[in-house]
N, C-alpha and C. Protein backbone atom coordinates (compact mmCIF):
# COMPACT_ATOMS: atom_id res chain seq x y z
N MET A 1 -4.23 -44.53 -6.06
CA MET A 1 -5.39 -43.90 -6.66
C MET A 1 -6.52 -44.94 -6.73
N PRO A 2 -7.72 -44.56 -6.33
CA PRO A 2 -8.84 -45.50 -6.40
C PRO A 2 -9.11 -45.95 -7.83
N SER A 3 -9.58 -47.17 -7.98
CA SER A 3 -9.78 -47.75 -9.30
C SER A 3 -10.85 -47.01 -10.11
N LYS A 4 -11.82 -46.38 -9.45
CA LYS A 4 -12.87 -45.69 -10.21
C LYS A 4 -12.35 -44.44 -10.93
N TYR A 5 -11.15 -43.95 -10.55
CA TYR A 5 -10.57 -42.77 -11.20
C TYR A 5 -9.46 -43.13 -12.19
N ARG A 6 -9.06 -44.36 -12.27
CA ARG A 6 -7.90 -44.72 -13.08
C ARG A 6 -8.12 -44.56 -14.58
N LYS A 7 -9.29 -44.81 -15.08
CA LYS A 7 -9.53 -44.72 -16.51
C LYS A 7 -10.34 -43.48 -16.89
N ASN A 8 -10.41 -42.51 -16.01
CA ASN A 8 -11.14 -41.27 -16.28
C ASN A 8 -10.16 -40.19 -16.71
N ILE A 9 -10.63 -39.33 -17.58
CA ILE A 9 -9.83 -38.19 -18.02
C ILE A 9 -10.70 -36.94 -17.91
N TRP A 10 -10.13 -35.87 -17.40
CA TRP A 10 -10.87 -34.62 -17.24
C TRP A 10 -10.39 -33.66 -18.32
N ILE A 11 -11.34 -33.10 -19.05
CA ILE A 11 -11.03 -32.22 -20.17
C ILE A 11 -11.76 -30.90 -19.94
N LYS A 12 -11.05 -29.80 -20.11
CA LYS A 12 -11.64 -28.49 -19.94
C LYS A 12 -12.47 -28.11 -21.16
N ARG A 13 -13.45 -27.28 -20.96
CA ARG A 13 -14.28 -26.79 -22.06
C ARG A 13 -13.40 -25.99 -23.01
N GLY A 14 -13.53 -26.27 -24.30
CA GLY A 14 -12.74 -25.58 -25.30
C GLY A 14 -11.51 -26.34 -25.74
N ASP A 15 -11.14 -27.42 -25.05
CA ASP A 15 -10.02 -28.25 -25.48
C ASP A 15 -10.45 -29.12 -26.66
N PHE A 16 -9.50 -29.56 -27.44
CA PHE A 16 -9.78 -30.40 -28.60
C PHE A 16 -9.18 -31.78 -28.39
N LEU A 17 -9.84 -32.78 -28.95
CA LEU A 17 -9.42 -34.18 -28.80
C LEU A 17 -9.23 -34.80 -30.17
N ILE A 18 -8.34 -35.79 -30.23
CA ILE A 18 -8.24 -36.65 -31.40
C ILE A 18 -8.80 -38.00 -30.97
N VAL A 19 -9.82 -38.46 -31.68
CA VAL A 19 -10.47 -39.72 -31.32
C VAL A 19 -10.40 -40.70 -32.48
N ASP A 20 -10.40 -41.98 -32.14
CA ASP A 20 -10.43 -43.05 -33.13
C ASP A 20 -11.74 -43.81 -32.96
N PRO A 21 -12.48 -44.05 -34.05
CA PRO A 21 -13.72 -44.81 -33.93
C PRO A 21 -13.42 -46.27 -33.57
N ILE A 22 -14.31 -46.85 -32.76
CA ILE A 22 -14.19 -48.27 -32.42
C ILE A 22 -15.49 -48.97 -32.78
N GLU A 23 -15.38 -50.22 -33.16
CA GLU A 23 -16.57 -50.97 -33.59
C GLU A 23 -17.19 -51.76 -32.46
N GLU A 24 -16.41 -52.12 -31.47
CA GLU A 24 -16.94 -52.94 -30.39
C GLU A 24 -17.75 -52.09 -29.42
N GLY A 25 -18.74 -52.68 -28.83
CA GLY A 25 -19.57 -51.97 -27.88
C GLY A 25 -20.69 -51.21 -28.55
N GLU A 26 -21.78 -51.01 -27.78
CA GLU A 26 -22.93 -50.31 -28.33
C GLU A 26 -22.97 -48.84 -27.91
N LYS A 27 -22.57 -48.55 -26.68
CA LYS A 27 -22.65 -47.19 -26.19
C LYS A 27 -21.44 -46.35 -26.58
N VAL A 28 -20.26 -46.92 -26.48
CA VAL A 28 -19.04 -46.18 -26.77
C VAL A 28 -18.74 -46.29 -28.26
N LYS A 29 -18.62 -45.16 -28.92
CA LYS A 29 -18.41 -45.13 -30.36
C LYS A 29 -16.99 -44.73 -30.75
N ALA A 30 -16.21 -44.14 -29.82
CA ALA A 30 -14.86 -43.69 -30.14
C ALA A 30 -13.98 -43.78 -28.90
N GLU A 31 -12.68 -43.77 -29.16
CA GLU A 31 -11.69 -43.83 -28.09
C GLU A 31 -10.79 -42.60 -28.20
N ILE A 32 -10.52 -41.93 -27.08
CA ILE A 32 -9.67 -40.74 -27.09
C ILE A 32 -8.24 -41.18 -27.32
N SER A 33 -7.64 -40.65 -28.39
CA SER A 33 -6.25 -40.97 -28.70
C SER A 33 -5.30 -39.92 -28.15
N PHE A 34 -5.70 -38.65 -28.21
CA PHE A 34 -4.79 -37.58 -27.81
C PHE A 34 -5.60 -36.34 -27.43
N VAL A 35 -5.14 -35.63 -26.42
CA VAL A 35 -5.74 -34.36 -26.01
C VAL A 35 -4.82 -33.25 -26.51
N LEU A 36 -5.37 -32.35 -27.32
CA LEU A 36 -4.57 -31.25 -27.88
C LEU A 36 -4.60 -30.06 -26.93
N CYS A 37 -3.43 -29.65 -26.48
CA CYS A 37 -3.35 -28.43 -25.66
C CYS A 37 -3.22 -27.23 -26.60
N LYS A 38 -3.23 -26.02 -26.06
CA LYS A 38 -3.23 -24.84 -26.92
C LYS A 38 -1.94 -24.72 -27.72
N ASP A 39 -0.81 -25.25 -27.20
CA ASP A 39 0.44 -25.22 -27.98
C ASP A 39 0.35 -26.11 -29.21
N HIS A 40 -0.29 -27.27 -29.05
CA HIS A 40 -0.49 -28.16 -30.20
C HIS A 40 -1.37 -27.50 -31.26
N VAL A 41 -2.43 -26.85 -30.81
CA VAL A 41 -3.35 -26.18 -31.74
C VAL A 41 -2.62 -25.09 -32.51
N ARG A 42 -1.80 -24.29 -31.81
CA ARG A 42 -1.06 -23.21 -32.47
C ARG A 42 -0.10 -23.77 -33.52
N SER A 43 0.60 -24.84 -33.18
CA SER A 43 1.56 -25.39 -34.15
C SER A 43 0.83 -25.98 -35.36
N LEU A 44 -0.32 -26.60 -35.15
CA LEU A 44 -1.10 -27.12 -36.28
C LEU A 44 -1.63 -25.99 -37.15
N GLN A 45 -2.00 -24.87 -36.53
CA GLN A 45 -2.48 -23.73 -37.30
C GLN A 45 -1.36 -23.12 -38.13
N LYS A 46 -0.14 -23.04 -37.56
CA LYS A 46 0.99 -22.48 -38.29
C LYS A 46 1.37 -23.36 -39.48
N GLU A 47 1.27 -24.67 -39.32
CA GLU A 47 1.62 -25.59 -40.39
C GLU A 47 0.52 -25.72 -41.45
N GLY A 48 -0.68 -25.22 -41.14
CA GLY A 48 -1.77 -25.25 -42.10
C GLY A 48 -2.59 -26.54 -42.06
N PHE A 49 -2.44 -27.33 -41.00
CA PHE A 49 -3.17 -28.59 -40.88
C PHE A 49 -4.47 -28.44 -40.09
N TRP A 50 -4.69 -27.28 -39.52
CA TRP A 50 -5.86 -27.07 -38.67
C TRP A 50 -7.07 -26.71 -39.53
N PRO A 51 -8.22 -27.42 -39.39
CA PRO A 51 -9.42 -27.12 -40.20
C PRO A 51 -9.98 -25.73 -39.89
N GLU A 52 -10.48 -25.05 -40.90
CA GLU A 52 -11.04 -23.71 -40.74
C GLU A 52 -12.23 -23.69 -39.79
N ALA A 53 -13.05 -24.74 -39.82
CA ALA A 53 -14.24 -24.78 -38.94
C ALA A 53 -13.82 -24.77 -37.48
N PHE A 54 -12.72 -25.42 -37.16
CA PHE A 54 -12.24 -25.44 -35.79
C PHE A 54 -11.54 -24.15 -35.42
N SER A 55 -11.01 -23.42 -36.39
CA SER A 55 -10.31 -22.16 -36.12
C SER A 55 -11.26 -21.15 -35.50
N GLU A 56 -12.48 -21.08 -36.03
CA GLU A 56 -13.47 -20.14 -35.50
C GLU A 56 -13.81 -20.47 -34.05
N VAL A 57 -13.95 -21.76 -33.74
CA VAL A 57 -14.28 -22.17 -32.38
C VAL A 57 -13.13 -21.86 -31.44
N ALA A 58 -11.89 -22.14 -31.88
CA ALA A 58 -10.72 -21.89 -31.04
C ALA A 58 -10.55 -20.40 -30.76
N GLU A 59 -10.74 -19.55 -31.78
CA GLU A 59 -10.61 -18.11 -31.59
C GLU A 59 -11.69 -17.58 -30.65
N LYS A 60 -12.90 -18.07 -30.81
CA LYS A 60 -14.00 -17.63 -29.95
C LYS A 60 -13.73 -18.03 -28.51
N HIS A 61 -13.23 -19.26 -28.31
CA HIS A 61 -12.92 -19.72 -26.95
C HIS A 61 -11.79 -18.91 -26.34
N ASN A 62 -10.75 -18.61 -27.12
CA ASN A 62 -9.63 -17.81 -26.62
C ASN A 62 -10.08 -16.40 -26.25
N ASN A 63 -10.98 -15.82 -27.05
CA ASN A 63 -11.50 -14.49 -26.73
C ASN A 63 -12.29 -14.51 -25.44
N ASN A 64 -13.11 -15.55 -25.23
CA ASN A 64 -13.87 -15.67 -24.00
C ASN A 64 -12.94 -15.85 -22.81
N ARG A 65 -11.90 -16.65 -22.98
CA ARG A 65 -10.96 -16.90 -21.89
C ARG A 65 -10.21 -15.61 -21.54
N ASN A 66 -9.79 -14.84 -22.56
CA ASN A 66 -9.09 -13.59 -22.31
C ASN A 66 -10.00 -12.58 -21.62
N ARG A 67 -11.26 -12.57 -22.00
CA ARG A 67 -12.21 -11.66 -21.40
C ARG A 67 -12.41 -11.98 -19.91
N GLN A 68 -12.38 -13.26 -19.55
CA GLN A 68 -12.57 -13.65 -18.16
C GLN A 68 -11.34 -13.35 -17.32
N THR A 69 -10.14 -13.45 -17.89
CA THR A 69 -8.92 -13.26 -17.11
C THR A 69 -8.57 -11.79 -16.92
N GLN A 70 -9.04 -10.90 -17.79
CA GLN A 70 -8.72 -9.49 -17.67
C GLN A 70 -9.67 -8.85 -16.65
N PRO A 71 -9.12 -8.18 -15.64
CA PRO A 71 -10.00 -7.53 -14.67
C PRO A 71 -10.69 -6.33 -15.29
N GLU A 72 -11.93 -6.16 -14.93
CA GLU A 72 -12.70 -5.04 -15.44
C GLU A 72 -12.59 -3.88 -14.46
N LEU A 73 -12.35 -2.70 -14.98
CA LEU A 73 -12.26 -1.52 -14.14
C LEU A 73 -13.66 -0.95 -13.93
N PRO A 74 -13.95 -0.45 -12.74
CA PRO A 74 -15.27 0.10 -12.50
C PRO A 74 -15.49 1.34 -13.35
N ALA A 75 -16.69 1.46 -13.90
CA ALA A 75 -17.03 2.58 -14.78
C ALA A 75 -17.31 3.85 -13.98
N GLU A 76 -17.80 3.67 -12.75
CA GLU A 76 -18.15 4.81 -11.93
C GLU A 76 -17.23 4.87 -10.72
N PRO A 77 -16.98 6.06 -10.18
CA PRO A 77 -16.16 6.14 -8.97
C PRO A 77 -16.85 5.46 -7.80
N GLN A 78 -16.06 5.01 -6.85
CA GLN A 78 -16.59 4.31 -5.69
C GLN A 78 -17.44 5.26 -4.85
N LEU A 79 -18.61 4.78 -4.46
CA LEU A 79 -19.49 5.55 -3.60
C LEU A 79 -19.33 5.04 -2.18
N SER A 80 -19.52 5.91 -1.22
CA SER A 80 -19.42 5.47 0.17
C SER A 80 -20.80 5.09 0.69
N GLY A 81 -20.81 4.24 1.69
CA GLY A 81 -22.08 3.87 2.30
C GLY A 81 -22.65 2.59 1.75
N GLU A 82 -23.96 2.43 2.00
CA GLU A 82 -24.65 1.20 1.64
C GLU A 82 -24.82 1.03 0.13
N GLU A 83 -24.92 2.12 -0.61
CA GLU A 83 -25.13 2.04 -2.06
C GLU A 83 -24.01 1.29 -2.75
N SER A 84 -22.76 1.60 -2.40
CA SER A 84 -21.64 0.97 -3.10
C SER A 84 -21.53 -0.51 -2.74
N SER A 85 -21.82 -0.88 -1.50
CA SER A 85 -21.68 -2.28 -1.10
C SER A 85 -22.80 -3.15 -1.69
N SER A 86 -23.99 -2.58 -1.87
CA SER A 86 -25.09 -3.40 -2.39
C SER A 86 -25.05 -3.51 -3.91
N GLU A 87 -24.52 -2.51 -4.62
CA GLU A 87 -24.52 -2.54 -6.08
C GLU A 87 -23.26 -3.14 -6.67
N ASP A 88 -22.13 -3.11 -5.96
CA ASP A 88 -20.86 -3.57 -6.50
C ASP A 88 -20.59 -5.00 -6.04
N ASP A 89 -20.69 -5.95 -7.00
CA ASP A 89 -20.43 -7.36 -6.69
C ASP A 89 -19.12 -7.84 -7.31
N SER A 90 -18.24 -6.91 -7.73
CA SER A 90 -17.02 -7.31 -8.42
C SER A 90 -16.05 -8.04 -7.51
N ASP A 91 -16.17 -7.88 -6.19
CA ASP A 91 -15.25 -8.55 -5.27
C ASP A 91 -15.71 -9.96 -4.91
N LEU A 92 -16.85 -10.39 -5.43
CA LEU A 92 -17.34 -11.73 -5.15
C LEU A 92 -16.54 -12.77 -5.91
N PHE A 93 -16.52 -13.99 -5.40
CA PHE A 93 -15.83 -15.10 -6.04
C PHE A 93 -16.46 -15.40 -7.40
N VAL A 94 -15.62 -15.61 -8.41
CA VAL A 94 -16.09 -15.95 -9.75
C VAL A 94 -15.73 -17.40 -10.02
N ASN A 95 -16.72 -18.22 -10.30
CA ASN A 95 -16.48 -19.63 -10.59
C ASN A 95 -16.02 -19.74 -12.04
N THR A 96 -14.76 -20.13 -12.23
CA THR A 96 -14.20 -20.23 -13.58
C THR A 96 -14.63 -21.50 -14.29
N ASN A 97 -15.33 -22.40 -13.60
CA ASN A 97 -15.81 -23.63 -14.22
C ASN A 97 -17.14 -23.43 -14.94
N ARG A 98 -17.72 -22.27 -14.82
CA ARG A 98 -18.99 -21.96 -15.47
C ARG A 98 -18.79 -20.81 -16.45
N ARG A 99 -19.63 -20.78 -17.49
CA ARG A 99 -19.57 -19.67 -18.43
C ARG A 99 -20.09 -18.42 -17.74
N GLN A 100 -19.46 -17.30 -18.07
CA GLN A 100 -19.85 -16.03 -17.47
C GLN A 100 -20.78 -15.30 -18.43
N TYR A 101 -21.95 -14.92 -17.96
CA TYR A 101 -22.91 -14.19 -18.76
C TYR A 101 -22.96 -12.75 -18.24
N HIS A 102 -22.71 -11.82 -19.14
CA HIS A 102 -22.72 -10.42 -18.77
C HIS A 102 -23.93 -9.76 -19.42
N GLU A 103 -24.70 -9.05 -18.62
CA GLU A 103 -25.90 -8.40 -19.12
C GLU A 103 -25.67 -6.90 -19.10
N SER A 104 -25.89 -6.26 -20.22
CA SER A 104 -25.70 -4.82 -20.29
C SER A 104 -26.93 -4.12 -19.75
N GLU A 105 -26.77 -2.85 -19.42
CA GLU A 105 -27.88 -2.08 -18.89
C GLU A 105 -28.97 -1.88 -19.94
N GLU A 106 -28.56 -1.78 -21.22
CA GLU A 106 -29.53 -1.58 -22.29
C GLU A 106 -30.45 -2.78 -22.41
N GLU A 107 -29.90 -4.00 -22.32
CA GLU A 107 -30.72 -5.20 -22.42
C GLU A 107 -31.70 -5.30 -21.26
N SER A 108 -31.23 -4.96 -20.05
CA SER A 108 -32.12 -5.06 -18.90
C SER A 108 -33.25 -4.02 -18.97
N GLU A 109 -32.97 -2.83 -19.53
CA GLU A 109 -34.00 -1.82 -19.67
C GLU A 109 -35.05 -2.26 -20.69
N GLU A 110 -34.60 -2.91 -21.78
CA GLU A 110 -35.55 -3.38 -22.79
C GLU A 110 -36.45 -4.47 -22.22
N GLU A 111 -35.90 -5.36 -21.39
CA GLU A 111 -36.71 -6.43 -20.79
C GLU A 111 -37.73 -5.86 -19.81
N GLU A 112 -37.32 -4.85 -19.05
CA GLU A 112 -38.24 -4.25 -18.09
C GLU A 112 -39.38 -3.52 -18.79
N ALA A 113 -39.10 -2.92 -19.95
CA ALA A 113 -40.12 -2.17 -20.69
C ALA A 113 -41.15 -3.11 -21.31
N ALA A 114 -40.73 -4.32 -21.64
CA ALA A 114 -41.65 -5.26 -22.31
C ALA A 114 -42.64 -5.87 -21.38
């Protein structure tokens, strides 16, 4: 493994870390001690050691993750021809490394009216 990758750690959005403050250095203020996976978070929540402020963030992240993994069923029946291919983008690749923003028809109508 190249040396530039040896001391790097990749953490997904929504993961939790345990860090220890360090006094040496000006830019770096803490050192990562442990990365908590979702099993660790669940066990800490069951034991009552998990802070309430973090519970809200964890639940919100889990809801977002569940929403992304569940396939959405089309609301309207499939149309034949050019209309269905130009309006239906559900078969396109979804980048899971980015947050997904869903815009409802009501919001888009309000923006167009303004």
